[in-house]
Amino acid sequence: MNEFYEGQQFVGMDLHRRRSVLVRMTETGEHLETVRIVNTRDRLADVMSRAGESPEVVLEATYGWYWAVDALAELGASVHLAHPLGVKAFSYRRVKNDQRDAADLADLLRMGRLPHAWIAPPETRELRELVRHRAKLVAMRSRCKAEVHAVLAKPESTDRLLVWVVSFVVWQQQG
């Protein structure tokens, strides 16, 4: 098959932290190319340059998908995000590897059976990250307070812990 196919192309991307696998195929499901890349915008652009104009690209909504979606959109691709629970059936296959996952994602998109997830705009993603970070800090503060309570609740707590008690009370009143 010609690597520079001119028709509509579908690209499945199995995204990982450092490397990813991309599978390009035609609208009839013919395999054009499978490539493993290091996750950089330049390397992604290099592979996508062979996918023609406005390729349909799908990747699973896993950790770190933000950069890939943004880069693909900048390259003119129509990006789709697969819902992880909708493609859970992948885990029950007998043969499971990155190339097969990427090809199956492209097939689901090509056949119109892809379980879509919402691609939040960058502003919303930023707010979500701030809220997540705040929630982690609040949980950390709660754990610290509970640990201090546990130490102070022990019967062997004596006058030498008085400094801790005073500091803790002041700290609790502040936050």
Foldseek 3Di string as FASTA:
>chain_A
DDLQDAAAKEWFWEDDDFKIWIWIDHLVLHTRDIDIGTPDLVRVLVSCVSRYAAHEYEYEPDPPCVVVVVSCVVSRYNYFYAYCVLVVCQVVDPDHDRRVNRSVQRVCVSVVNGHTDDDDPPVVVVVVVVVVVVVVVVVVVVVVLVVLVVVVPDPPDDPVCVVVVVVSVVVVVVD
